Amino acid sequence: RVGRRFGGDVVELLGATSPIYLLRKAAGSAAGEAIAQTRDYRRHWTGV
């Protein structure tokens, strides 16, 4: 269930043992300042 909203770019979801935050981040945007990768929302693998 939705908890709080933080502006138009973050939604807090409750109902799990920890809150989950959905963060609006554009496809193709930089994943981080020191990371060469960009965000890609096709199926991807991560160990986490």
ModelCIF file with pLDDT and N, C-alpha, C, O atoms, coordinates in Angstrom:
data_MODEL
#
_entry.id   MODEL 
#
_entity.id                         1 
_entity.type                       polymer 
_entity.pdbx_number_of_molecules   1 
#
_entity_poly.entity_id                      1 
_entity_poly.type                           'polypeptide(L)' 
_entity_poly.nstd_linkage                   no 
_entity_poly.nstd_monomer                   no 
_entity_poly.pdbx_seq_one_letter_code       RVGRRFGGDVVELLGATSPIYLLRKAAGSAAGEAIAQTRDYRRHWTGV 
_entity_poly.pdbx_seq_one_letter_code_can   RVGRRFGGDVVELLGATSPIYLLRKAAGSAAGEAIAQTRDYRRHWTGV 
_entity_poly.pdbx_strand_id                 A 
#
loop_
_entity_poly_seq.entity_id 
_entity_poly_seq.num 
_entity_poly_seq.mon_id 
_entity_poly_seq.hetero 
1 1  ARG n 
1 2  VAL n 
1 3  GLY n 
1 4  ARG n 
1 5  ARG n 
1 6  PHE n 
1 7  GLY n 
1 8  GLY n 
1 9  ASP n 
1 10 VAL n 
1 11 VAL n 
1 12 GLU n 
1 13 LEU n 
1 14 LEU n 
1 15 GLY n 
1 16 ALA n 
1 17 THR n 
1 18 SER n 
1 19 PRO n 
1 20 ILE n 
1 21 TYR n 
1 22 LEU n 
1 23 LEU n 
1 24 ARG n 
1 25 LYS n 
1 26 ALA n 
1 27 ALA n 
1 28 GLY n 
1 29 SER n 
1 30 ALA n 
1 31 ALA n 
1 32 GLY n 
1 33 GLU n 
1 34 ALA n 
1 35 ILE n 
1 36 ALA n 
1 37 GLN n 
1 38 THR n 
1 39 ARG n 
1 40 ASP n 
1 41 TYR n 
1 42 ARG n 
1 43 ARG n 
1 44 HIS n 
1 45 TRP n 
1 46 THR n 
1 47 GLY n 
1 48 VAL n 
#
_struct_asym.id          A 
_struct_asym.entity_id   1 
#
loop_
_ma_qa_metric.id 
_ma_qa_metric.mode 
_ma_qa_metric.name 
_ma_qa_metric.software_group_id 
_ma_qa_metric.type 
1 global pLDDT . pLDDT 
2 local  pLDDT . pLDDT 
#
_ma_qa_metric_global.metric_id      1 
_ma_qa_metric_global.metric_value   94.17 
_ma_qa_metric_global.model_id       1 
_ma_qa_metric_global.ordinal_id     1 
#
loop_
_ma_qa_metric_local.label_asym_id 
_ma_qa_metric_local.label_comp_id 
_ma_qa_metric_local.label_seq_id 
_ma_qa_metric_local.metric_id 
_ma_qa_metric_local.metric_value 
_ma_qa_metric_local.model_id 
_ma_qa_metric_local.ordinal_id 
A ARG 1  2 98.00 1 1  
A VAL 2  2 98.00 1 2  
A GLY 3  2 98.00 1 3  
A ARG 4  2 98.00 1 4  
A ARG 5  2 98.00 1 5  
A PHE 6  2 97.00 1 6  
A GLY 7  2 94.00 1 7  
A GLY 8  2 95.00 1 8  
A ASP 9  2 97.00 1 9  
A VAL 10 2 98.00 1 10 
A VAL 11 2 98.00 1 11 
A GLU 12 2 98.00 1 12 
A LEU 13 2 98.00 1 13 
A LEU 14 2 98.00 1 14 
A GLY 15 2 98.00 1 15 
A ALA 16 2 97.00 1 16 
A THR 17 2 96.00 1 17 
A SER 18 2 97.00 1 18 
A PRO 19 2 98.00 1 19 
A ILE 20 2 98.00 1 20 
A TYR 21 2 98.00 1 21 
A LEU 22 2 98.00 1 22 
A LEU 23 2 98.00 1 23 
A ARG 24 2 98.00 1 24 
A LYS 25 2 96.00 1 25 
A ALA 26 2 95.00 1 26 
A ALA 27 2 94.00 1 27 
A GLY 28 2 91.00 1 28 
A SER 29 2 93.00 1 29 
A ALA 30 2 92.00 1 30 
A ALA 31 2 88.00 1 31 
A GLY 32 2 87.00 1 32 
A GLU 33 2 88.00 1 33 
A ALA 34 2 90.00 1 34 
A ILE 35 2 86.00 1 35 
A ALA 36 2 87.00 1 36 
A GLN 37 2 90.00 1 37 
A THR 38 2 92.00 1 38 
A ARG 39 2 93.00 1 39 
A ASP 40 2 92.00 1 40 
A TYR 41 2 95.00 1 41 
A ARG 42 2 94.00 1 42 
A ARG 43 2 95.00 1 43 
A HIS 44 2 91.00 1 44 
A TRP 45 2 88.00 1 45 
A THR 46 2 86.00 1 46 
A GLY 47 2 87.00 1 47 
A VAL 48 2 91.00 1 48 
#
loop_
_atom_site.group_PDB 
_atom_site.id 
_atom_site.type_symbol 
_atom_site.label_atom_id 
_atom_site.label_alt_id 
_atom_site.label_comp_id 
_atom_site.label_asym_id 
_atom_site.label_entity_id 
_atom_site.label_seq_id 
_atom_site.pdbx_PDB_ins_code 
_atom_site.Cartn_x 
_atom_site.Cartn_y 
_atom_site.Cartn_z 
_atom_site.occupancy 
_atom_site.B_iso_or_equiv 
_atom_site.pdbx_formal_charge 
_atom_site.auth_seq_id 
_atom_site.auth_comp_id 
_atom_site.auth_asym_id 
_atom_site.auth_atom_id 
_atom_site.pdbx_PDB_model_num 
ATOM 1   N N  . ARG A 1 1  ? 0.847  -1.192  0.000   1.00 98.00 ? 1  ARG A N  1 
ATOM 2   C CA . ARG A 1 1  ? 0.000  0.000   0.000   1.00 98.00 ? 1  ARG A CA 1 
ATOM 3   C C  . ARG A 1 1  ? 0.883  1.243   0.000   1.00 98.00 ? 1  ARG A C  1 
ATOM 4   O O  . ARG A 1 1  ? 2.008  1.235   0.499   1.00 98.00 ? 1  ARG A O  1 
ATOM 5   N N  . VAL A 1 2  ? 0.342  2.295   -0.569  1.00 98.00 ? 2  VAL A N  1 
ATOM 6   C CA . VAL A 1 2  ? 1.087  3.552   -0.643  1.00 98.00 ? 2  VAL A CA 1 
ATOM 7   C C  . VAL A 1 2  ? 1.130  4.189   0.734   1.00 98.00 ? 2  VAL A C  1 
ATOM 8   O O  . VAL A 1 2  ? 0.110  4.315   1.412   1.00 98.00 ? 2  VAL A O  1 
ATOM 9   N N  . GLY A 1 3  ? 2.331  4.589   1.133   1.00 98.00 ? 3  GLY A N  1 
ATOM 10  C CA . GLY A 1 3  ? 2.526  5.353   2.359   1.00 98.00 ? 3  GLY A CA 1 
ATOM 11  C C  . GLY A 1 3  ? 2.570  6.819   2.005   1.00 98.00 ? 3  GLY A C  1 
ATOM 12  O O  . GLY A 1 3  ? 1.532  7.456   1.824   1.00 98.00 ? 3  GLY A O  1 
ATOM 13  N N  . ARG A 1 4  ? 3.771  7.356   1.905   1.00 98.00 ? 4  ARG A N  1 
ATOM 14  C CA . ARG A 1 4  ? 3.945  8.778   1.592   1.00 98.00 ? 4  ARG A CA 1 
ATOM 15  C C  . ARG A 1 4  ? 4.406  8.962   0.156   1.00 98.00 ? 4  ARG A C  1 
ATOM 16  O O  . ARG A 1 4  ? 4.922  8.048   -0.487  1.00 98.00 ? 4  ARG A O  1 
ATOM 17  N N  . ARG A 1 5  ? 4.195  10.193  -0.321  1.00 98.00 ? 5  ARG A N  1 
ATOM 18  C CA . ARG A 1 5  ? 4.714  10.609  -1.621  1.00 98.00 ? 5  ARG A CA 1 
ATOM 19  C C  . ARG A 1 5  ? 5.681  11.754  -1.363  1.00 98.00 ? 5  ARG A C  1 
ATOM 20  O O  . ARG A 1 5  ? 5.426  12.631  -0.537  1.00 98.00 ? 5  ARG A O  1 
ATOM 21  N N  . PHE A 1 6  ? 6.777  11.729  -2.072  1.00 97.00 ? 6  PHE A N  1 
ATOM 22  C CA . PHE A 1 6  ? 7.798  12.765  -1.922  1.00 97.00 ? 6  PHE A CA 1 
ATOM 23  C C  . PHE A 1 6  ? 7.933  13.473  -3.256  1.00 97.00 ? 6  PHE A C  1 
ATOM 24  O O  . PHE A 1 6  ? 8.663  13.021  -4.137  1.00 97.00 ? 6  PHE A O  1 
ATOM 25  N N  . GLY A 1 7  ? 7.234  14.575  -3.401  1.00 94.00 ? 7  GLY A N  1 
ATOM 26  C CA . GLY A 1 7  ? 7.215  15.257  -4.683  1.00 94.00 ? 7  GLY A CA 1 
ATOM 27  C C  . GLY A 1 7  ? 6.578  14.350  -5.723  1.00 94.00 ? 7  GLY A C  1 
ATOM 28  O O  . GLY A 1 7  ? 5.735  13.515  -5.394  1.00 94.00 ? 7  GLY A O  1 
ATOM 29  N N  . GLY A 1 8  ? 6.972  14.510  -6.948  1.00 95.00 ? 8  GLY A N  1 
ATOM 30  C CA . GLY A 1 8  ? 6.418  13.672  -8.008  1.00 95.00 ? 8  GLY A CA 1 
ATOM 31  C C  . GLY A 1 8  ? 7.319  12.542  -8.426  1.00 95.00 ? 8  GLY A C  1 
ATOM 32  O O  . GLY A 1 8  ? 7.046  11.868  -9.420  1.00 95.00 ? 8  GLY A O  1 
ATOM 33  N N  . ASP A 1 9  ? 8.408  12.313  -7.678  1.00 97.00 ? 9  ASP A N  1 
ATOM 34  C CA . ASP A 1 9  ? 9.392  11.337  -8.131  1.00 97.00 ? 9  ASP A CA 1 
ATOM 35  C C  . ASP A 1 9  ? 9.653  10.175  -7.195  1.00 97.00 ? 9  ASP A C  1 
ATOM 36  O O  . ASP A 1 9  ? 10.461 9.303   -7.516  1.00 97.00 ? 9  ASP A O  1 
ATOM 37  N N  . VAL A 1 10 ? 8.987  10.134  -6.031  1.00 98.00 ? 10 VAL A N  1 
ATOM 38  C CA . VAL A 1 10 ? 9.216  9.042   -5.076  1.00 98.00 ? 10 VAL A CA 1 
ATOM 39  C C  . VAL A 1 10 ? 7.893  8.655   -4.423  1.00 98.00 ? 10 VAL A C  1 
ATOM 40  O O  . VAL A 1 10 ? 7.120  9.508   -3.986  1.00 98.00 ? 10 VAL A O  1 
ATOM 41  N N  . VAL A 1 11 ? 7.654  7.353   -4.368  1.00 98.00 ? 11 VAL A N  1 
ATOM 42  C CA . VAL A 1 11 ? 6.495  6.807   -3.663  1.00 98.00 ? 11 VAL A CA 1 
ATOM 43  C C  . VAL A 1 11 ? 6.984  5.766   -2.671  1.00 98.00 ? 11 VAL A C  1 
ATOM 44  O O  . VAL A 1 11 ? 7.780  4.892   -3.016  1.00 98.00 ? 11 VAL A O  1 
ATOM 45  N N  . GLU A 1 12 ? 6.511  5.863   -1.451  1.00 98.00 ? 12 GLU A N  1 
ATOM 46  C CA . GLU A 1 12 ? 6.826  4.900   -0.390  1.00 98.00 ? 12 GLU A CA 1 
ATOM 47  C C  . GLU A 1 12 ? 5.742  3.822   -0.388  1.00 98.00 ? 12 GLU A C  1 
ATOM 48  O O  . GLU A 1 12 ? 4.550  4.129   -0.365  1.00 98.00 ? 12 GLU A O  1 
ATOM 49  N N  . LEU A 1 13 ? 6.165  2.565   -0.412  1.00 98.00 ? 13 LEU A N  1 
ATOM 50  C CA . LEU A 1 13 ? 5.238  1.442   -0.330  1.00 98.00 ? 13 LEU A CA 1 
ATOM 51  C C  . LEU A 1 13 ? 5.432  0.738   1.002   1.00 98.00 ? 13 LEU A C  1 
ATOM 52  O O  . LEU A 1 13 ? 6.558  0.468   1.421   1.00 98.00 ? 13 LEU A O  1 
ATOM 53  N N  . LEU A 1 14 ? 4.329  0.446   1.653   1.00 98.00 ? 14 LEU A N  1 
ATOM 54  C CA . LEU A 1 14 ? 4.336  -0.214  2.955   1.00 98.00 ? 14 LEU A CA 1 
ATOM 55  C C  . LEU A 1 14 ? 3.625  -1.555  2.852   1.00 98.00 ? 14 LEU A C  1 
ATOM 56  O O  . LEU A 1 14 ? 2.882  -1.813  1.906   1.00 98.00 ? 14 LEU A O  1 
ATOM 57  N N  . GLY A 1 15 ? 3.868  -2.398  3.840   1.00 98.00 ? 15 GLY A N  1 
ATOM 58  C CA . GLY A 1 15 ? 3.221  -3.701  3.875   1.00 98.00 ? 15 GLY A CA 1 
ATOM 59  C C  . GLY A 1 15 ? 4.222  -4.838  3.899   1.00 98.00 ? 15 GLY A C  1 
ATOM 60  O O  . GLY A 1 15 ? 3.856  -5.983  4.167   1.00 98.00 ? 15 GLY A O  1 
ATOM 61  N N  . ALA A 1 16 ? 5.478  -4.539  3.622   1.00 97.00 ? 16 ALA A N  1 
ATOM 62  C CA . ALA A 1 16 ? 6.566  -5.512  3.772   1.00 97.00 ? 16 ALA A CA 1 
ATOM 63  C C  . ALA A 1 16 ? 7.258  -5.195  5.104   1.00 97.00 ? 16 ALA A C  1 
ATOM 64  O O  . ALA A 1 16 ? 6.906  -4.212  5.756   1.00 97.00 ? 16 ALA A O  1 
ATOM 65  N N  . THR A 1 17 ? 8.214  -5.993  5.508   1.00 96.00 ? 17 THR A N  1 
ATOM 66  C CA . THR A 1 17 ? 8.906  -5.742  6.765   1.00 96.00 ? 17 THR A CA 1 
ATOM 67  C C  . THR A 1 17 ? 9.792  -4.509  6.712   1.00 96.00 ? 17 THR A C  1 
ATOM 68  O O  . THR A 1 17 ? 10.160 -3.965  7.754   1.00 96.00 ? 17 THR A O  1 
ATOM 69  N N  . SER A 1 18 ? 10.136 -4.068  5.523   1.00 97.00 ? 18 SER A N  1 
ATOM 70  C CA . SER A 1 18 ? 10.873 -2.819  5.322   1.00 97.00 ? 18 SER A CA 1 
ATOM 71  C C  . SER A 1 18 ? 10.134 -2.000  4.278   1.00 97.00 ? 18 SER A C  1 
ATOM 72  O O  . SER A 1 18 ? 9.540  -2.563  3.358   1.00 97.00 ? 18 SER A O  1 
ATOM 73  N N  . PRO A 1 19 ? 10.162 -0.685  4.406   1.00 98.00 ? 19 PRO A N  1 
ATOM 74  C CA . PRO A 1 19 ? 9.526  0.128   3.365   1.00 98.00 ? 19 PRO A CA 1 
ATOM 75  C C  . PRO A 1 19 ? 10.287 0.012   2.047   1.00 98.00 ? 19 PRO A C  1 
ATOM 76  O O  . PRO A 1 19 ? 11.503 -0.173  2.022   1.00 98.00 ? 19 PRO A O  1 
ATOM 77  N N  . ILE A 1 20 ? 9.541  0.126   0.966   1.00 98.00 ? 20 ILE A N  1 
ATOM 78  C CA . ILE A 1 20 ? 10.105 0.087   -0.375  1.00 98.00 ? 20 ILE A CA 1 
ATOM 79  C C  . ILE A 1 20 ? 9.816  1.440   -1.012  1.00 98.00 ? 20 ILE A C  1 
ATOM 80  O O  . ILE A 1 20 ? 8.688  1.930   -0.973  1.00 98.00 ? 20 ILE A O  1 
ATOM 81  N N  . TYR A 1 21 ? 10.851 2.034   -1.598  1.00 98.00 ? 21 TYR A N  1 
ATOM 82  C CA . TYR A 1 21 ? 10.701 3.332   -2.240  1.00 98.00 ? 21 TYR A CA 1 
ATOM 83  C C  . TYR A 1 21 ? 10.865 3.168   -3.741  1.00 98.00 ? 21 TYR A C  1 
ATOM 84  O O  . TYR A 1 21 ? 11.889 2.677   -4.214  1.00 98.00 ? 21 TYR A O  1 
ATOM 85  N N  . LEU A 1 22 ? 9.855  3.579   -4.481  1.00 98.00 ? 22 LEU A N  1 
ATOM 86  C CA . LEU A 1 22 ? 9.932  3.617   -5.930  1.00 98.00 ? 22 LEU A CA 1 
ATOM 87  C C  . LEU A 1 22 ? 10.477 4.984   -6.314  1.00 98.00 ? 22 LEU A C  1 
ATOM 88  O O  . LEU A 1 22 ? 9.925  6.014   -5.929  1.00 98.00 ? 22 LEU A O  1 
ATOM 89  N N  . LEU A 1 23 ? 11.567 4.982   -7.078  1.00 98.00 ? 23 LEU A N  1 
ATOM 90  C CA . LEU A 1 23 ? 12.245 6.221   -7.461  1.00 98.00 ? 23 LEU A CA 1 
ATOM 91  C C  . LEU A 1 23 ? 12.151 6.411   -8.967  1.00 98.00 ? 23 LEU A C  1 
ATOM 92  O O  . LEU A 1 23 ? 12.637 5.580   -9.734  1.00 98.00 ? 23 LEU A O  1 
ATOM 93  N N  . ARG A 1 24 ? 11.529 7.501   -9.386  1.00 98.00 ? 24 ARG A N  1 
ATOM 94  C CA . ARG A 1 24 ? 11.447 7.781   -10.822 1.00 98.00 ? 24 ARG A CA 1 
ATOM 95  C C  . ARG A 1 24 ? 12.832 8.204   -11.313 1.00 98.00 ? 24 ARG A C  1 
ATOM 96  O O  . ARG A 1 24 ? 13.379 9.216   -10.877 1.00 98.00 ? 24 ARG A O  1 
ATOM 97  N N  . LYS A 1 25 ? 13.385 7.408   -12.226 1.00 96.00 ? 25 LYS A N  1 
ATOM 98  C CA . LYS A 1 25 ? 14.684 7.688   -12.841 1.00 96.00 ? 25 LYS A CA 1 
ATOM 99  C C  . LYS A 1 25 ? 14.542 7.379   -14.325 1.00 96.00 ? 25 LYS A C  1 
ATOM 100 O O  . LYS A 1 25 ? 14.169 6.264   -14.691 1.00 96.00 ? 25 LYS A O  1 
ATOM 101 N N  . ALA A 1 26 ? 14.829 8.331   -15.163 1.00 95.00 ? 26 ALA A N  1 
ATOM 102 C CA . ALA A 1 26 ? 14.638 8.173   -16.599 1.00 95.00 ? 26 ALA A CA 1 
ATOM 103 C C  . ALA A 1 26 ? 15.535 7.090   -17.178 1.00 95.00 ? 26 ALA A C  1 
ATOM 104 O O  . ALA A 1 26 ? 16.690 6.945   -16.777 1.00 95.00 ? 26 ALA A O  1 
ATOM 105 N N  . ALA A 1 27 ? 15.000 6.342   -18.111 1.00 94.00 ? 27 ALA A N  1 
ATOM 106 C CA . ALA A 1 27 ? 15.818 5.387   -18.861 1.00 94.00 ? 27 ALA A CA 1 
ATOM 107 C C  . ALA A 1 27 ? 16.910 6.171   -19.564 1.00 94.00 ? 27 ALA A C  1 
ATOM 108 O O  . ALA A 1 27 ? 16.659 7.247   -20.105 1.00 94.00 ? 27 ALA A O  1 
ATOM 109 N N  . GLY A 1 28 ? 18.114 5.637   -19.557 1.00 91.00 ? 28 GLY A N  1 
ATOM 110 C CA . GLY A 1 28 ? 19.246 6.294   -20.193 1.00 91.00 ? 28 GLY A CA 1 
ATOM 111 C C  . GLY A 1 28 ? 19.972 7.282   -19.306 1.00 91.00 ? 28 GLY A C  1 
ATOM 112 O O  . GLY A 1 28 ? 21.031 7.786   -19.678 1.00 91.00 ? 28 GLY A O  1 
ATOM 113 N N  . SER A 1 29 ? 19.415 7.569   -18.126 1.00 93.00 ? 29 SER A N  1 
ATOM 114 C CA . SER A 1 29 ? 20.093 8.498   -17.217 1.00 93.00 ? 29 SER A CA 1 
ATOM 115 C C  . SER A 1 29 ? 21.278 7.796   -16.557 1.00 93.00 ? 29 SER A C  1 
ATOM 116 O O  . SER A 1 29 ? 21.316 6.569   -16.463 1.00 93.00 ? 29 SER A O  1 
ATOM 117 N N  . ALA A 1 30 ? 22.229 8.584   -16.110 1.00 92.00 ? 30 ALA A N  1 
ATOM 118 C CA . ALA A 1 30 ? 23.437 8.032   -15.495 1.00 92.00 ? 30 ALA A CA 1 
ATOM 119 C C  . ALA A 1 30 ? 23.082 7.273   -14.225 1.00 92.00 ? 30 ALA A C  1 
ATOM 120 O O  . ALA A 1 30 ? 22.296 7.748   -13.405 1.00 92.00 ? 30 ALA A O  1 
ATOM 121 N N  . ALA A 1 31 ? 23.664 6.093   -14.071 1.00 88.00 ? 31 ALA A N  1 
ATOM 122 C CA . ALA A 1 31 ? 23.418 5.279   -12.883 1.00 88.00 ? 31 ALA A CA 1 
ATOM 123 C C  . ALA A 1 31 ? 24.114 5.867   -11.659 1.00 88.00 ? 31 ALA A C  1 
ATOM 124 O O  . ALA A 1 31 ? 23.712 5.586   -10.530 1.00 88.00 ? 31 ALA A O  1 
ATOM 125 N N  . GLY A 1 32 ? 25.134 6.667   -11.863 1.00 87.00 ? 32 GLY A N  1 
ATOM 126 C CA . GLY A 1 32 ? 25.859 7.306   -10.772 1.00 87.00 ? 32 GLY A CA 1 
ATOM 127 C C  . GLY A 1 32 ? 27.001 8.130   -11.333 1.00 87.00 ? 32 GLY A C  1 
ATOM 128 O O  . GLY A 1 32 ? 27.383 7.972   -12.492 1.00 87.00 ? 32 GLY A O  1 
ATOM 129 N N  . GLU A 1 33 ? 27.540 9.003   -10.509 1.00 88.00 ? 33 GLU A N  1 
ATOM 130 C CA . GLU A 1 33 ? 28.616 9.884   -10.980 1.00 88.00 ? 33 GLU A CA 1 
ATOM 131 C C  . GLU A 1 33 ? 29.872 9.117   -11.373 1.00 88.00 ? 33 GLU A C  1 
ATOM 132 O O  . GLU A 1 33 ? 30.551 9.499   -12.327 1.00 88.00 ? 33 GLU A O  1 
ATOM 133 N N  . ALA A 1 34 ? 30.190 8.055   -10.664 1.00 90.00 ? 34 ALA A N  1 
ATOM 134 C CA . ALA A 1 34 ? 31.427 7.315   -10.923 1.00 90.00 ? 34 ALA A CA 1 
ATOM 135 C C  . ALA A 1 34 ? 31.171 6.010   -11.673 1.00 90.00 ? 34 ALA A C  1 
ATOM 136 O O  . ALA A 1 34 ? 32.039 5.139   -11.728 1.00 90.00 ? 34 ALA A O  1 
ATOM 137 N N  . ILE A 1 35 ? 29.967 5.878   -12.254 1.00 86.00 ? 35 ILE A N  1 
ATOM 138 C CA . ILE A 1 35 ? 29.595 4.641   -12.946 1.00 86.00 ? 35 ILE A CA 1 
ATOM 139 C C  . ILE A 1 35 ? 29.325 4.964   -14.412 1.00 86.00 ? 35 ILE A C  1 
ATOM 140 O O  . ILE A 1 35 ? 28.572 5.887   -14.722 1.00 86.00 ? 35 ILE A O  1 
ATOM 141 N N  . ALA A 1 36 ? 29.934 4.212   -15.297 1.00 87.00 ? 36 ALA A N  1 
ATOM 142 C CA . ALA A 1 36 ? 29.769 4.472   -16.730 1.00 87.00 ? 36 ALA A CA 1 
ATOM 143 C C  . ALA A 1 36 ? 28.426 3.975   -17.257 1.00 87.00 ? 36 ALA A C  1 
ATOM 144 O O  . ALA A 1 36 ? 28.038 4.345   -18.365 1.00 87.00 ? 36 ALA A O  1 
ATOM 145 N N  . GLN A 1 37 ? 27.713 3.158   -16.509 1.00 90.00 ? 37 GLN A N  1 
ATOM 146 C CA . GLN A 1 37 ? 26.452 2.594   -16.972 1.00 90.00 ? 37 GLN A CA 1 
ATOM 147 C C  . GLN A 1 37 ? 25.309 3.601   -16.892 1.00 90.00 ? 37 GLN A C  1 
ATOM 148 O O  . GLN A 1 37 ? 25.320 4.529   -16.083 1.00 90.00 ? 37 GLN A O  1 
ATOM 149 N N  . THR A 1 38 ? 24.329 3.386   -17.754 1.00 92.00 ? 38 THR A N  1 
ATOM 150 C CA . THR A 1 38 ? 23.100 4.167   -17.691 1.00 92.00 ? 38 THR A CA 1 
ATOM 151 C C  . THR A 1 38 ? 21.953 3.229   -17.360 1.00 92.00 ? 38 THR A C  1 
ATOM 152 O O  . THR A 1 38 ? 22.056 2.013   -17.520 1.00 92.00 ? 38 THR A O  1 
ATOM 153 N N  . ARG A 1 39 ? 20.866 3.811   -16.901 1.00 93.00 ? 39 ARG A N  1 
ATOM 154 C CA . ARG A 1 39 ? 19.712 3.007   -16.518 1.00 93.00 ? 39 ARG A CA 1 
ATOM 155 C C  . ARG A 1 39 ? 19.060 2.419   -17.754 1.00 93.00 ? 39 ARG A C  1 
ATOM 156 O O  . ARG A 1 39 ? 18.852 3.098   -18.760 1.00 93.00 ? 39 ARG A O  1 
ATOM 157 N N  . ASP A 1 40 ? 18.742 1.131   -17.649 1.00 92.00 ? 40 ASP A N  1 
ATOM 158 C CA . ASP A 1 40 ? 18.121 0.388   -18.733 1.00 92.00 ? 40 ASP A CA 1 
ATOM 159 C C  . ASP A 1 40 ? 17.053 -0.493  -18.097 1.00 92.00 ? 40 ASP A C  1 
ATOM 160 O O  . ASP A 1 40 ? 17.355 -1.309  -17.226 1.00 92.00 ? 40 ASP A O  1 
ATOM 161 N N  . TYR A 1 41 ? 15.835 -0.334  -18.520 1.00 95.00 ? 41 TYR A N  1 
ATOM 162 C CA . TYR A 1 41 ? 14.741 -1.064  -17.882 1.00 95.00 ? 41 TYR A CA 1 
ATOM 163 C C  . TYR A 1 41 ? 14.311 -2.310  -18.650 1.00 95.00 ? 41 TYR A C  1 
ATOM 164 O O  . TYR A 1 41 ? 13.223 -2.842  -18.429 1.00 95.00 ? 41 TYR A O  1 
ATOM 165 N N  . ARG A 1 42 ? 15.179 -2.769  -19.556 1.00 94.00 ? 42 ARG A N  1 
ATOM 166 C CA . ARG A 1 42 ? 14.958 -4.104  -20.114 1.00 94.00 ? 42 ARG A CA 1 
ATOM 167 C C  . ARG A 1 42 ? 15.403 -5.093  -19.046 1.00 94.00 ? 42 ARG A C  1 
ATOM 168 O O  . ARG A 1 42 ? 16.052 -4.693  -18.080 1.00 94.00 ? 42 ARG A O  1 
ATOM 169 N N  . ARG A 1 43 ? 15.078 -6.361  -19.191 1.00 95.00 ? 43 ARG A N  1 
ATOM 170 C CA . ARG A 1 43 ? 15.457 -7.358  -18.183 1.00 95.00 ? 43 ARG A CA 1 
ATOM 171 C C  . ARG A 1 43 ? 16.967 -7.356  -18.034 1.00 95.00 ? 43 ARG A C  1 
ATOM 172 O O  . ARG A 1 43 ? 17.703 -7.449  -19.017 1.00 95.00 ? 43 ARG A O  1 
ATOM 173 N N  . HIS A 1 44 ? 17.414 -7.251  -16.805 1.00 91.00 ? 44 HIS A N  1 
ATOM 174 C CA . HIS A 1 44 ? 18.830 -7.244  -16.486 1.00 91.00 ? 44 HIS A CA 1 
ATOM 175 C C  . HIS A 1 44 ? 19.053 -8.102  -15.250 1.00 91.00 ? 44 HIS A C  1 
ATOM 176 O O  . HIS A 1 44 ? 18.127 -8.352  -14.478 1.00 91.00 ? 44 HIS A O  1 
ATOM 177 N N  . TRP A 1 45 ? 20.271 -8.541  -15.074 1.00 88.00 ? 45 TRP A N  1 
ATOM 178 C CA . TRP A 1 45 ? 20.603 -9.378  -13.931 1.00 88.00 ? 45 TRP A CA 1 
ATOM 179 C C  . TRP A 1 45 ? 21.459 -8.585  -12.969 1.00 88.00 ? 45 TRP A C  1 
ATOM 180 O O  . TRP A 1 45 ? 22.330 -7.813  -13.371 1.00 88.00 ? 45 TRP A O  1 
ATOM 181 N N  . THR A 1 46 ? 21.196 -8.787  -11.700 1.00 86.00 ? 46 THR A N  1 
ATOM 182 C CA . THR A 1 46 ? 22.054 -8.257  -10.649 1.00 86.00 ? 46 THR A CA 1 
ATOM 183 C C  . THR A 1 46 ? 22.057 -9.276  -9.509  1.00 86.00 ? 46 THR A C  1 
ATOM 184 O O  . THR A 1 46 ? 21.082 -9.998  -9.305  1.00 86.00 ? 46 THR A O  1 
ATOM 185 N N  . GLY A 1 47 ? 23.133 -9.321  -8.796  1.00 87.00 ? 47 GLY A N  1 
ATOM 186 C CA . GLY A 1 47 ? 23.240 -10.263 -7.689  1.00 87.00 ? 47 GLY A CA 1 
ATOM 187 C C  . GLY A 1 47 ? 22.402 -9.859  -6.476  1.00 87.00 ? 47 GLY A C  1 
ATOM 188 O O  . GLY A 1 47 ? 22.245 -10.645 -5.541  1.00 87.00 ? 47 GLY A O  1 
ATOM 189 N N  . VAL A 1 48 ? 21.873 -8.657  -6.487  1.00 91.00 ? 48 VAL A N  1 
ATOM 190 C CA . VAL A 1 48 ? 21.019 -8.200  -5.392  1.00 91.00 ? 48 VAL A CA 1 
ATOM 191 C C  . VAL A 1 48 ? 19.590 -8.136  -5.908  1.00 91.00 ? 48 VAL A C  1 
ATOM 192 O O  . VAL A 1 48 ? 18.679 -7.775  -5.162  1.00 91.00 ? 48 VAL A O  1 
#
